[in-house]
């Protein structure tokens, strides 16, 4: 494996770890008094995706099921504890991106 390939792989791992860490933050926020506000904003984002056809129906169905469940344990099971391959795809298209700014 060449230097560029190793660097690309390293960058991908860093990116995946950052997404996983961010969604750990989302999970913590879903266990806070802000839960209802966060779920409402995520639902609004999903509605925008659907209305404007901004992403695949697969992502819309997945995230809708997580948000409509309305609890952090569903989020944990479907997002944080999902198999890595599926989890990474979902994390890249997250309706919780509005929380990224506050996390820094």
PDB file of N, CA and C in Angstrom:
ATOM      1  N   UNK A   1       0.857  -1.179   0.000  1.00  0.00           N
ATOM      2  CA  UNK A   1       0.000   0.000   0.000  1.00  0.00           C
ATOM      3  C   UNK A   1       0.898   1.235   0.000  1.00  0.00           C
ATOM      4  N   UNK A   2       0.594   2.169  -0.886  1.00  0.00           N
ATOM      5  CA  UNK A   2       1.381   3.382  -1.014  1.00  0.00           C
ATOM      6  C   UNK A   2       1.061   4.402   0.058  1.00  0.00           C
ATOM      7  N   UNK A   3       1.880   5.425   0.126  1.00  0.00           N
ATOM      8  CA  UNK A   3       1.716   6.497   1.107  1.00  0.00           C
ATOM      9  C   UNK A   3       0.358   7.178   0.951  1.00  0.00           C
ATOM     10  N   UNK A   4      -0.030   7.461  -0.277  1.00  0.00           N
ATOM     11  CA  UNK A   4      -1.309   8.134  -0.508  1.00  0.00           C
ATOM     12  C   UNK A   4      -2.482   7.272  -0.062  1.00  0.00           C
ATOM     13  N   UNK A   5      -2.403   5.980  -0.313  1.00  0.00           N
ATOM     14  CA  UNK A   5      -3.481   5.073   0.100  1.00  0.00           C
ATOM     15  C   UNK A   5      -3.565   4.993   1.623  1.00  0.00           C
ATOM     16  N   UNK A   6      -2.414   4.921   2.278  1.00  0.00           N
ATOM     17  CA  UNK A   6      -2.413   4.876   3.746  1.00  0.00           C
ATOM     18  C   UNK A   6      -2.996   6.168   4.317  1.00  0.00           C
ATOM     19  N   UNK A   7      -2.634   7.275   3.716  1.00  0.00           N
ATOM     20  CA  UNK A   7      -3.140   8.574   4.181  1.00  0.00           C
ATOM     21  C   UNK A   7      -4.653   8.664   3.975  1.00  0.00           C
ATOM     22  N   UNK A   8      -5.117   8.220   2.841  1.00  0.00           N
ATOM     23  CA  UNK A   8      -6.554   8.235   2.558  1.00  0.00           C
ATOM     24  C   UNK A   8      -7.307   7.339   3.542  1.00  0.00           C
ATOM     25  N   UNK A   9      -6.751   6.181   3.815  1.00  0.00           N
ATOM     26  CA  UNK A   9      -7.392   5.269   4.773  1.00  0.00           C
ATOM     27  C   UNK A   9      -7.411   5.898   6.163  1.00  0.00           C
ATOM     28  N   UNK A  10      -6.317   6.514   6.555  1.00  0.00           N
ATOM     29  CA  UNK A  10      -6.227   7.168   7.855  1.00  0.00           C
ATOM     30  C   UNK A  10      -7.256   8.310   7.944  1.00  0.00           C
ATOM     31  N   UNK A  11      -7.353   9.104   6.882  1.00  0.00           N
ATOM     32  CA  UNK A  11      -8.324  10.204   6.852  1.00  0.00           C
ATOM     33  C   UNK A  11      -9.750   9.682   6.975  1.00  0.00           C
ATOM     34  N   UNK A  12     -10.043   8.564   6.318  1.00  0.00           N
ATOM     35  CA  UNK A  12     -11.385   7.973   6.377  1.00  0.00           C
ATOM     36  C   UNK A  12     -11.695   7.488   7.795  1.00  0.00           C
ATOM     37  N   UNK A  13     -10.724   6.862   8.425  1.00  0.00           N
ATOM     38  CA  UNK A  13     -10.920   6.400   9.805  1.00  0.00           C
ATOM     39  C   UNK A  13     -11.156   7.591  10.726  1.00  0.00           C
ATOM     40  N   UNK A  14     -10.365   8.657  10.566  1.00  0.00           N
ATOM     41  CA  UNK A  14     -10.555   9.863  11.379  1.00  0.00           C
ATOM     42  C   UNK A  14     -11.952  10.451  11.171  1.00  0.00           C
ATOM     43  N   UNK A  15     -12.382  10.503   9.915  1.00  0.00           N
ATOM     44  CA  UNK A  15     -13.707  11.038   9.590  1.00  0.00           C
ATOM     45  C   UNK A  15     -14.806  10.186  10.233  1.00  0.00           C
ATOM     46  N   UNK A  16     -14.697   8.876  10.102  1.00  0.00           N
ATOM     47  CA  UNK A  16     -15.694   7.972  10.683  1.00  0.00           C
ATOM     48  C   UNK A  16     -15.737   8.100  12.199  1.00  0.00           C
ATOM     49  N   UNK A  17     -14.572   8.212  12.821  1.00  0.00           N
ATOM     50  CA  UNK A  17     -14.520   8.364  14.287  1.00  0.00           C
ATOM     51  C   UNK A  17     -15.145   9.692  14.718  1.00  0.00           C
ATOM     52  N   UNK A  18     -14.927  10.742  13.939  1.00  0.00           N
ATOM     53  CA  UNK A  18     -15.530  12.042  14.261  1.00  0.00           C
ATOM     54  C   UNK A  18     -17.057  11.971  14.164  1.00  0.00           C
ATOM     55  N   UNK A  19     -17.564  11.298  13.134  1.00  0.00           N
ATOM     56  CA  UNK A  19     -19.019  11.141  12.999  1.00  0.00           C
ATOM     57  C   UNK A  19     -19.586  10.329  14.156  1.00  0.00           C
ATOM     58  N   UNK A  20     -18.901   9.274  14.526  1.00  0.00           N
ATOM     59  CA  UNK A  20     -19.361   8.438  15.648  1.00  0.00           C
ATOM     60  C   UNK A  20     -19.354   9.256  16.940  1.00  0.00           C
ATOM     61  N   UNK A  21     -18.297  10.017  17.152  1.00  0.00           N
ATOM     62  CA  UNK A  21     -18.198  10.857  18.346  1.00  0.00           C
ATOM     63  C   UNK A  21     -19.307  11.913  18.366  1.00  0.00           C
ATOM     64  N   UNK A  22     -19.548  12.547  17.228  1.00  0.00           N
ATOM     65  CA  UNK A  22     -20.613  13.540  17.151  1.00  0.00           C
ATOM     66  C   UNK A  22     -21.951  12.920  17.528  1.00  0.00           C
ATOM     67  N   UNK A  23     -22.240  11.732  17.025  1.00  0.00           N
ATOM     68  CA  UNK A  23     -23.520  11.105  17.331  1.00  0.00           C
ATOM     69  C   UNK A  23     -23.582  10.610  18.772  1.00  0.00           C
ATOM     70  N   UNK A  24     -22.432  10.386  19.385  1.00  0.00           N
ATOM     71  CA  UNK A  24     -22.409  10.157  20.829  1.00  0.00           C
ATOM     72  C   UNK A  24     -22.875  11.405  21.566  1.00  0.00           C
ATOM     73  N   UNK A  25     -22.469  12.564  21.053  1.00  0.00           N
ATOM     74  CA  UNK A  25     -22.928  13.843  21.604  1.00  0.00           C
ATOM     75  C   UNK A  25     -24.440  14.000  21.419  1.00  0.00           C
ATOM     76  N   UNK A  26     -24.926  13.637  20.242  1.00  0.00           N
ATOM     77  CA  UNK A  26     -26.375  13.700  19.996  1.00  0.00           C
ATOM     78  C   UNK A  26     -27.107  12.825  21.010  1.00  0.00           C
ATOM     79  N   UNK A  27     -26.599  11.622  21.222  1.00  0.00           N
ATOM     80  CA  UNK A  27     -27.212  10.705  22.196  1.00  0.00           C
ATOM     81  C   UNK A  27     -27.270  11.362  23.579  1.00  0.00           C
ATOM     82  N   UNK A  28     -26.168  11.994  23.990  1.00  0.00           N
ATOM     83  CA  UNK A  28     -26.148  12.667  25.295  1.00  0.00           C
ATOM     84  C   UNK A  28     -27.215  13.766  25.348  1.00  0.00           C
ATOM     85  N   UNK A  29     -27.360  14.509  24.252  1.00  0.00           N
ATOM     86  CA  UNK A  29     -28.362  15.578  24.216  1.00  0.00           C
ATOM     87  C   UNK A  29     -29.782  15.024  24.241  1.00  0.00           C
ATOM     88  N   UNK A  30     -29.970  13.832  23.696  1.00  0.00           N
ATOM     89  CA  UNK A  30     -31.296  13.197  23.731  1.00  0.00           C
ATOM     90  C   UNK A  30     -31.631  12.678  25.130  1.00  0.00           C
ATOM     91  N   UNK A  31     -30.658  12.685  26.001  1.00  0.00           N
ATOM     92  CA  UNK A  31     -30.873  12.331  27.400  1.00  0.00           C
ATOM     93  C   UNK A  31     -30.905  13.574  28.285  1.00  0.00           C
ATOM     94  N   UNK A  32     -31.125  14.712  27.665  1.00  0.00           N
ATOM     95  CA  UNK A  32     -31.158  15.976  28.399  1.00  0.00           C
ATOM     96  C   UNK A  32     -32.555  16.591  28.273  1.00  0.00           C
ATOM     97  N   UNK A  33     -32.794  17.670  28.999  1.00  0.00           N
ATOM     98  CA  UNK A  33     -34.089  18.360  28.881  1.00  0.00           C
ATOM     99  C   UNK A  33     -34.358  18.909  27.474  1.00  0.00           C
ATOM    100  N   UNK A  34     -33.349  18.947  26.624  1.00  0.00           N
ATOM    101  CA  UNK A  34     -33.490  19.463  25.257  1.00  0.00           C
ATOM    102  C   UNK A  34     -34.066  18.432  24.283  1.00  0.00           C
ATOM    103  N   UNK A  35     -34.300  17.236  24.728  1.00  0.00           N
ATOM    104  CA  UNK A  35     -34.690  16.133  23.845  1.00  0.00           C
ATOM    105  C   UNK A  35     -35.819  16.508  22.886  1.00  0.00           C
ATOM    106  N   UNK A  36     -36.907  17.037  23.388  1.00  0.00           N
ATOM    107  CA  UNK A  36     -38.063  17.333  22.527  1.00  0.00           C
ATOM    108  C   UNK A  36     -37.723  18.359  21.453  1.00  0.00           C
ATOM    109  N   UNK A  37     -36.986  19.401  21.823  1.00  0.00           N
ATOM    110  CA  UNK A  37     -36.573  20.421  20.858  1.00  0.00           C
ATOM    111  C   UNK A  37     -35.686  19.805  19.775  1.00  0.00           C
ATOM    112  N   UNK A  38     -34.755  18.975  20.179  1.00  0.00           N
ATOM    113  CA  UNK A  38     -33.821  18.346  19.228  1.00  0.00           C
ATOM    114  C   UNK A  38     -34.578  17.430  18.274  1.00  0.00           C
ATOM    115  N   UNK A  39     -35.478  16.632  18.798  1.00  0.00           N
ATOM    116  CA  UNK A  39     -36.251  15.728  17.938  1.00  0.00           C
ATOM    117  C   UNK A  39     -37.155  16.510  16.986  1.00  0.00           C
ATOM    118  N   UNK A  40     -37.721  17.600  17.456  1.00  0.00           N
ATOM    119  CA  UNK A  40     -38.563  18.442  16.594  1.00  0.00           C
ATOM    120  C   UNK A  40     -37.743  19.011  15.436  1.00  0.00           C
ATOM    121  N   UNK A  41     -36.563  19.522  15.747  1.00  0.00           N
ATOM    122  CA  UNK A  41     -35.716  20.097  14.699  1.00  0.00           C
ATOM    123  C   UNK A  41     -35.244  19.025  13.719  1.00  0.00           C
ATOM    124  N   UNK A  42     -34.928  17.845  14.221  1.00  0.00           N
ATOM    125  CA  UNK A  42     -34.519  16.748  13.334  1.00  0.00           C
ATOM    126  C   UNK A  42     -35.678  16.350  12.424  1.00  0.00           C
ATOM    127  N   UNK A  43     -36.887  16.292  12.972  1.00  0.00           N
ATOM    128  CA  UNK A  43     -38.066  15.957  12.161  1.00  0.00           C
ATOM    129  C   UNK A  43     -38.288  17.011  11.077  1.00  0.00           C
ATOM    130  N   UNK A  44     -38.080  18.277  11.409  1.00  0.00           N
ATOM    131  CA  UNK A  44     -38.208  19.340  10.410  1.00  0.00           C
ATOM    132  C   UNK A  44     -37.185  19.161   9.292  1.00  0.00           C
ATOM    133  N   UNK A  45     -35.983  18.771   9.664  1.00  0.00           N
ATOM    134  CA  UNK A  45     -34.934  18.552   8.662  1.00  0.00           C
ATOM    135  C   UNK A  45     -35.324  17.394   7.739  1.00  0.00           C
ATOM    136  N   UNK A  46     -35.853  16.335   8.302  1.00  0.00           N
ATOM    137  CA  UNK A  46     -36.272  15.184   7.496  1.00  0.00           C
ATOM    138  C   UNK A  46     -37.409  15.583   6.552  1.00  0.00           C
ATOM    139  N   UNK A  47     -38.349  16.378   7.041  1.00  0.00           N
ATOM    140  CA  UNK A  47     -39.439  16.861   6.188  1.00  0.00           C
ATOM    141  C   UNK A  47     -38.891  17.679   5.023  1.00  0.00           C
ATOM    142  N   UNK A  48     -37.882  18.496   5.279  1.00  0.00           N
ATOM    143  CA  UNK A  48     -37.237  19.279   4.223  1.00  0.00           C
ATOM    144  C   UNK A  48     -36.596  18.358   3.190  1.00  0.00           C
ATOM    145  N   UNK A  49     -35.887  17.340   3.654  1.00  0.00           N
ATOM    146  CA  UNK A  49     -35.287  16.356   2.736  1.00  0.00           C
ATOM    147  C   UNK A  49     -36.354  15.758   1.835  1.00  0.00           C
ATOM    148  N   UNK A  50     -37.459  15.358   2.458  1.00  0.00           N
ATOM    149  CA  UNK A  50     -38.527  14.694   1.711  1.00  0.00           C
ATOM    150  C   UNK A  50     -39.198  15.650   0.723  1.00  0.00           C
ATOM    151  N   UNK A  51     -39.546  16.817   1.187  1.00  0.00           N
ATOM    152  CA  UNK A  51     -40.233  17.807   0.350  1.00  0.00           C
ATOM    153  C   UNK A  51     -39.390  18.203  -0.868  1.00  0.00           C
ATOM    154  N   UNK A  52     -38.096  18.386  -0.652  1.00  0.00           N
ATOM    155  CA  UNK A  52     -37.215  18.847  -1.726  1.00  0.00           C
ATOM    156  C   UNK A  52     -36.407  17.731  -2.384  1.00  0.00           C
ATOM    157  N   UNK A  53     -36.733  16.488  -2.010  1.00  0.00           N
ATOM    158  CA  UNK A  53     -36.038  15.317  -2.580  1.00  0.00           C
ATOM    159  C   UNK A  53     -34.514  15.479  -2.480  1.00  0.00           C
ATOM    160  N   UNK A  54     -34.067  15.773  -1.275  1.00  0.00           N
ATOM    161  CA  UNK A  54     -32.656  16.053  -1.044  1.00  0.00           C
ATOM    162  C   UNK A  54     -31.814  14.817  -0.751  1.00  0.00           C
ATOM    163  N   UNK A  55     -32.458  13.717  -0.443  1.00  0.00           N
ATOM    164  CA  UNK A  55     -31.698  12.485  -0.229  1.00  0.00           C
ATOM    165  C   UNK A  55     -32.608  11.283  -0.486  1.00  0.00           C
ATOM    166  N   UNK A  56     -32.001  10.152  -0.453  1.00  0.00           N
ATOM    167  CA  UNK A  56     -32.684   8.895  -0.732  1.00  0.00           C
ATOM    168  C   UNK A  56     -33.837   8.637   0.241  1.00  0.00           C
ATOM    169  N   UNK A  57     -34.865   8.007  -0.262  1.00  0.00           N
ATOM    170  CA  UNK A  57     -36.000   7.612   0.588  1.00  0.00           C
ATOM    171  C   UNK A  57     -35.546   6.663   1.693  1.00  0.00           C
ATOM    172  N   UNK A  58     -34.487   5.920   1.438  1.00  0.00           N
ATOM    173  CA  UNK A  58     -33.934   5.007   2.453  1.00  0.00           C
ATOM    174  C   UNK A  58     -33.506   5.783   3.702  1.00  0.00           C
ATOM    175  N   UNK A  59     -32.773   6.874   3.498  1.00  0.00           N
ATOM    176  CA  UNK A  59     -32.332   7.689   4.629  1.00  0.00           C
ATOM    177  C   UNK A  59     -33.523   8.332   5.330  1.00  0.00           C
ATOM    178  N   UNK A  60     -34.472   8.778   4.554  1.00  0.00           N
ATOM    179  CA  UNK A  60     -35.665   9.408   5.128  1.00  0.00           C
ATOM    180  C   UNK A  60     -36.421   8.403   6.001  1.00  0.00           C
ATOM    181  N   UNK A  61     -36.615   7.195   5.489  1.00  0.00           N
ATOM    182  CA  UNK A  61     -37.307   6.166   6.288  1.00  0.00           C
ATOM    183  C   UNK A  61     -36.526   5.829   7.555  1.00  0.00           C
ATOM    184  N   UNK A  62     -35.230   5.632   7.403  1.00  0.00           N
ATOM    185  CA  UNK A  62     -34.406   5.262   8.563  1.00  0.00           C
ATOM    186  C   UNK A  62     -34.477   6.331   9.644  1.00  0.00           C
ATOM    187  N   UNK A  63     -34.140   7.574   9.259  1.00  0.00           N
ATOM    188  CA  UNK A  63     -34.091   8.629  10.264  1.00  0.00           C
ATOM    189  C   UNK A  63     -35.482   8.962  10.798  1.00  0.00           C
ATOM    190  N   UNK A  64     -36.507   8.849   9.978  1.00  0.00           N
ATOM    191  CA  UNK A  64     -37.874   9.078  10.463  1.00  0.00           C
ATOM    192  C   UNK A  64     -38.213   8.087  11.563  1.00  0.00           C
ATOM    193  N   UNK A  65     -37.829   6.838  11.388  1.00  0.00           N
ATOM    194  CA  UNK A  65     -38.126   5.825  12.406  1.00  0.00           C
ATOM    195  C   UNK A  65     -37.388   6.123  13.706  1.00  0.00           C
ATOM    196  N   UNK A  66     -36.167   6.615  13.600  1.00  0.00           N
ATOM    197  CA  UNK A  66     -35.392   6.957  14.803  1.00  0.00           C
ATOM    198  C   UNK A  66     -36.030   8.145  15.520  1.00  0.00           C
ATOM    199  N   UNK A  67     -36.342   9.189  14.771  1.00  0.00           N
ATOM    200  CA  UNK A  67     -36.882  10.407  15.374  1.00  0.00           C
ATOM    201  C   UNK A  67     -38.293  10.172  15.917  1.00  0.00           C
ATOM    202  N   UNK A  68     -39.120   9.462  15.166  1.00  0.00           N
ATOM    203  CA  UNK A  68     -40.496   9.211  15.617  1.00  0.00           C
ATOM    204  C   UNK A  68     -40.548   8.336  16.861  1.00  0.00           C
ATOM    205  N   UNK A  69     -39.548   7.488  17.052  1.00  0.00           N
ATOM    206  CA  UNK A  69     -39.512   6.661  18.265  1.00  0.00           C
ATOM    207  C   UNK A  69     -39.435   7.555  19.496  1.00  0.00           C
ATOM    208  N   UNK A  70     -38.745   8.679  19.355  1.00  0.00           N
ATOM    209  CA  UNK A  70     -38.751   9.686  20.406  1.00  0.00           C
ATOM    210  C   UNK A  70     -37.966   9.352  21.658  1.00  0.00           C
ATOM    211  N   UNK A  71     -37.058   8.407  21.577  1.00  0.00           N
ATOM    212  CA  UNK A  71     -36.290   8.097  22.776  1.00  0.00           C
ATOM    213  C   UNK A  71     -34.826   7.808  22.446  1.00  0.00           C
ATOM    214  N   UNK A  72     -33.993   8.051  23.430  1.00  0.00           N
ATOM    215  CA  UNK A  72     -32.557   7.912  23.219  1.00  0.00           C
ATOM    216  C   UNK A  72     -32.126   6.460  23.052  1.00  0.00           C
ATOM    217  N   UNK A  73     -32.855   5.535  23.627  1.00  0.00           N
ATOM    218  CA  UNK A  73     -32.448   4.124  23.518  1.00  0.00           C
ATOM    219  C   UNK A  73     -32.635   3.596  22.089  1.00  0.00           C
ATOM    220  N   UNK A  74     -33.676   4.047  21.406  1.00  0.00           N
ATOM    221  CA  UNK A  74     -33.836   3.686  19.999  1.00  0.00           C
ATOM    222  C   UNK A  74     -32.695   4.272  19.190  1.00  0.00           C
ATOM    223  N   UNK A  75     -32.345   5.517  19.474  1.00  0.00           N
ATOM    224  CA  UNK A  75     -31.213   6.155  18.798  1.00  0.00           C
ATOM    225  C   UNK A  75     -29.947   5.333  19.027  1.00  0.00           C
ATOM    226  N   UNK A  76     -29.725   4.964  20.259  1.00  0.00           N
ATOM    227  CA  UNK A  76     -28.529   4.181  20.599  1.00  0.00           C
ATOM    228  C   UNK A  76     -28.504   2.860  19.843  1.00  0.00           C
ATOM    229  N   UNK A  77     -29.608   2.152  19.846  1.00  0.00           N
ATOM    230  CA  UNK A  77     -29.669   0.839  19.193  1.00  0.00           C
ATOM    231  C   UNK A  77     -29.541   0.936  17.676  1.00  0.00           C
ATOM    232  N   UNK A  78     -30.250   1.873  17.061  1.00  0.00           N
ATOM    233  CA  UNK A  78     -30.280   1.952  15.594  1.00  0.00           C
ATOM    234  C   UNK A  78     -29.107   2.716  14.995  1.00  0.00           C
ATOM    235  N   UNK A  79     -28.498   3.596  15.784  1.00  0.00           N
ATOM    236  CA  UNK A  79     -27.440   4.452  15.243  1.00  0.00           C
ATOM    237  C   UNK A  79     -26.080   4.093  15.833  1.00  0.00           C
ATOM    238  N   UNK A  80     -25.961   4.168  17.135  1.00  0.00           N
ATOM    239  CA  UNK A  80     -24.651   3.960  17.751  1.00  0.00           C
ATOM    240  C   UNK A  80     -24.220   2.503  17.786  1.00  0.00           C
ATOM    241  N   UNK A  81     -25.176   1.595  17.879  1.00  0.00           N
ATOM    242  CA  UNK A  81     -24.825   0.181  17.987  1.00  0.00           C
ATOM    243  C   UNK A  81     -25.067  -0.590  16.699  1.00  0.00           C
ATOM    244  N   UNK A  82     -25.384   0.101  15.630  1.00  0.00           N
ATOM    245  CA  UNK A  82     -25.619  -0.541  14.330  1.00  0.00           C
ATOM    246  C   UNK A  82     -24.300  -1.061  13.778  1.00  0.00           C
ATOM    247  N   UNK A  83     -24.369  -2.052  12.890  1.00  0.00           N
ATOM    248  CA  UNK A  83     -23.138  -2.509  12.226  1.00  0.00           C
ATOM    249  C   UNK A  83     -22.426  -1.327  11.558  1.00  0.00           C
ATOM    250  N   UNK A  84     -21.122  -1.321  11.612  1.00  0.00           N
ATOM    251  CA  UNK A  84     -20.322  -0.171  11.170  1.00  0.00           C
ATOM    252  C   UNK A  84     -20.651   0.274   9.746  1.00  0.00           C
ATOM    253  N   UNK A  85     -20.800  -0.642   8.839  1.00  0.00           N
ATOM    254  CA  UNK A  85     -21.035  -0.266   7.441  1.00  0.00           C
ATOM    255  C   UNK A  85     -22.329   0.530   7.283  1.00  0.00           C
ATOM    256  N   UNK A  86     -23.400   0.036   7.887  1.00  0.00           N
ATOM    257  CA  UNK A  86     -24.675   0.752   7.800  1.00  0.00           C
ATOM    258  C   UNK A  86     -24.635   2.039   8.612  1.00  0.00           C
ATOM    259  N   UNK A  87     -24.049   1.959   9.771  1.00  0.00           N
ATOM    260  CA  UNK A  87     -23.980   3.106  10.652  1.00  0.00           C
ATOM    261  C   UNK A  87     -23.272   4.280   9.988  1.00  0.00           C
ATOM    262  N   UNK A  88     -22.151   4.044   9.357  1.00  0.00           N
ATOM    263  CA  UNK A  88     -21.398   5.136   8.726  1.00  0.00           C
ATOM    264  C   UNK A  88     -22.197   5.799   7.612  1.00  0.00           C
ATOM    265  N   UNK A  89     -22.923   5.021   6.849  1.00  0.00           N
ATOM    266  CA  UNK A  89     -23.757   5.606   5.791  1.00  0.00           C
ATOM    267  C   UNK A  89     -24.824   6.506   6.401  1.00  0.00           C
ATOM    268  N   UNK A  90     -25.449   6.060   7.468  1.00  0.00           N
ATOM    269  CA  UNK A  90     -26.494   6.852   8.112  1.00  0.00           C
ATOM    270  C   UNK A  90     -25.923   8.111   8.754  1.00  0.00           C
ATOM    271  N   UNK A  91     -24.757   7.984   9.371  1.00  0.00           N
ATOM    272  CA  UNK A  91     -24.173   9.115  10.081  1.00  0.00           C
ATOM    273  C   UNK A  91     -23.760  10.241   9.135  1.00  0.00           C
ATOM    274  N   UNK A  92     -23.470   9.904   7.897  1.00  0.00           N
ATOM    275  CA  UNK A  92     -23.070  10.922   6.930  1.00  0.00           C
ATOM    276  C   UNK A  92     -24.250  11.753   6.452  1.00  0.00           C
ATOM    277  N   UNK A  93     -25.452  11.254   6.644  1.00  0.00           N
ATOM    278  CA  UNK A  93     -26.678  11.962   6.249  1.00  0.00           C
ATOM    279  C   UNK A  93     -27.557  12.099   7.485  1.00  0.00           C
ATOM    280  N   UNK A  94     -27.142  12.940   8.383  1.00  0.00           N
ATOM    281  CA  UNK A  94     -27.822  13.042   9.668  1.00  0.00           C
ATOM    282  C   UNK A  94     -28.742  14.257   9.757  1.00  0.00           C
ATOM    283  N   UNK A  95     -29.927  14.081  10.307  1.00  0.00           N
ATOM    284  CA  UNK A  95     -30.809  15.228  10.502  1.00  0.00           C
ATOM    285  C   UNK A  95     -30.438  16.035  11.753  1.00  0.00           C
ATOM    286  N   UNK A  96     -29.381  15.614  12.437  1.00  0.00           N
ATOM    287  CA  UNK A  96     -28.953  16.287  13.660  1.00  0.00           C
ATOM    288  C   UNK A  96     -27.766  17.219  13.416  1.00  0.00           C
ATOM    289  N   UNK A  97     -27.477  17.503  12.165  1.00  0.00           N
ATOM    290  CA  UNK A  97     -26.292  18.309  11.841  1.00  0.00           C
ATOM    291  C   UNK A  97     -26.333  19.707  12.470  1.00  0.00           C
ATOM    292  N   UNK A  98     -27.510  20.205  12.792  1.00  0.00           N
ATOM    293  CA  UNK A  98     -27.616  21.516  13.427  1.00  0.00           C
ATOM    294  C   UNK A  98     -26.903  21.555  14.766  1.00  0.00           C
ATOM    295  N   UNK A  99     -26.652  20.399  15.371  1.00  0.00           N
ATOM    296  CA  UNK A  99     -25.934  20.354  16.654  1.00  0.00           C
ATOM    297  C   UNK A  99     -24.419  20.456  16.474  1.00  0.00           C
ATOM    298  N   UNK A 100     -23.942  20.320  15.264  1.00  0.00           N
ATOM    299  CA  UNK A 100     -22.490  20.367  15.026  1.00  0.00           C
ATOM    300  C   UNK A 100     -21.904  21.711  15.419  1.00  0.00           C
ATOM    301  N   UNK A 101     -22.615  22.768  15.151  1.00  0.00           N
ATOM    302  CA  UNK A 101     -22.102  24.110  15.463  1.00  0.00           C
ATOM    303  C   UNK A 101     -21.875  24.293  16.954  1.00  0.00           C
ATOM    304  N   UNK A 102     -22.786  23.804  17.762  1.00  0.00           N
ATOM    305  CA  UNK A 102     -22.642  24.029  19.200  1.00  0.00           C
ATOM    306  C   UNK A 102     -21.560  23.145  19.810  1.00  0.00           C
ATOM    307  N   UNK A 103     -21.301  22.051  19.166  1.00  0.00           N
ATOM    308  CA  UNK A 103     -20.273  21.143  19.690  1.00  0.00           C
ATOM    309  C   UNK A 103     -18.884  21.650  19.372  1.00  0.00           C
ATOM    310  N   UNK A 104     -18.771  22.348  18.256  1.00  0.00           N
ATOM    311  CA  UNK A 104     -17.493  22.944  17.895  1.00  0.00           C
ATOM    312  C   UNK A 104     -16.644  22.112  17.072  1.00  0.00           C
TER     313      UNK A 104
END
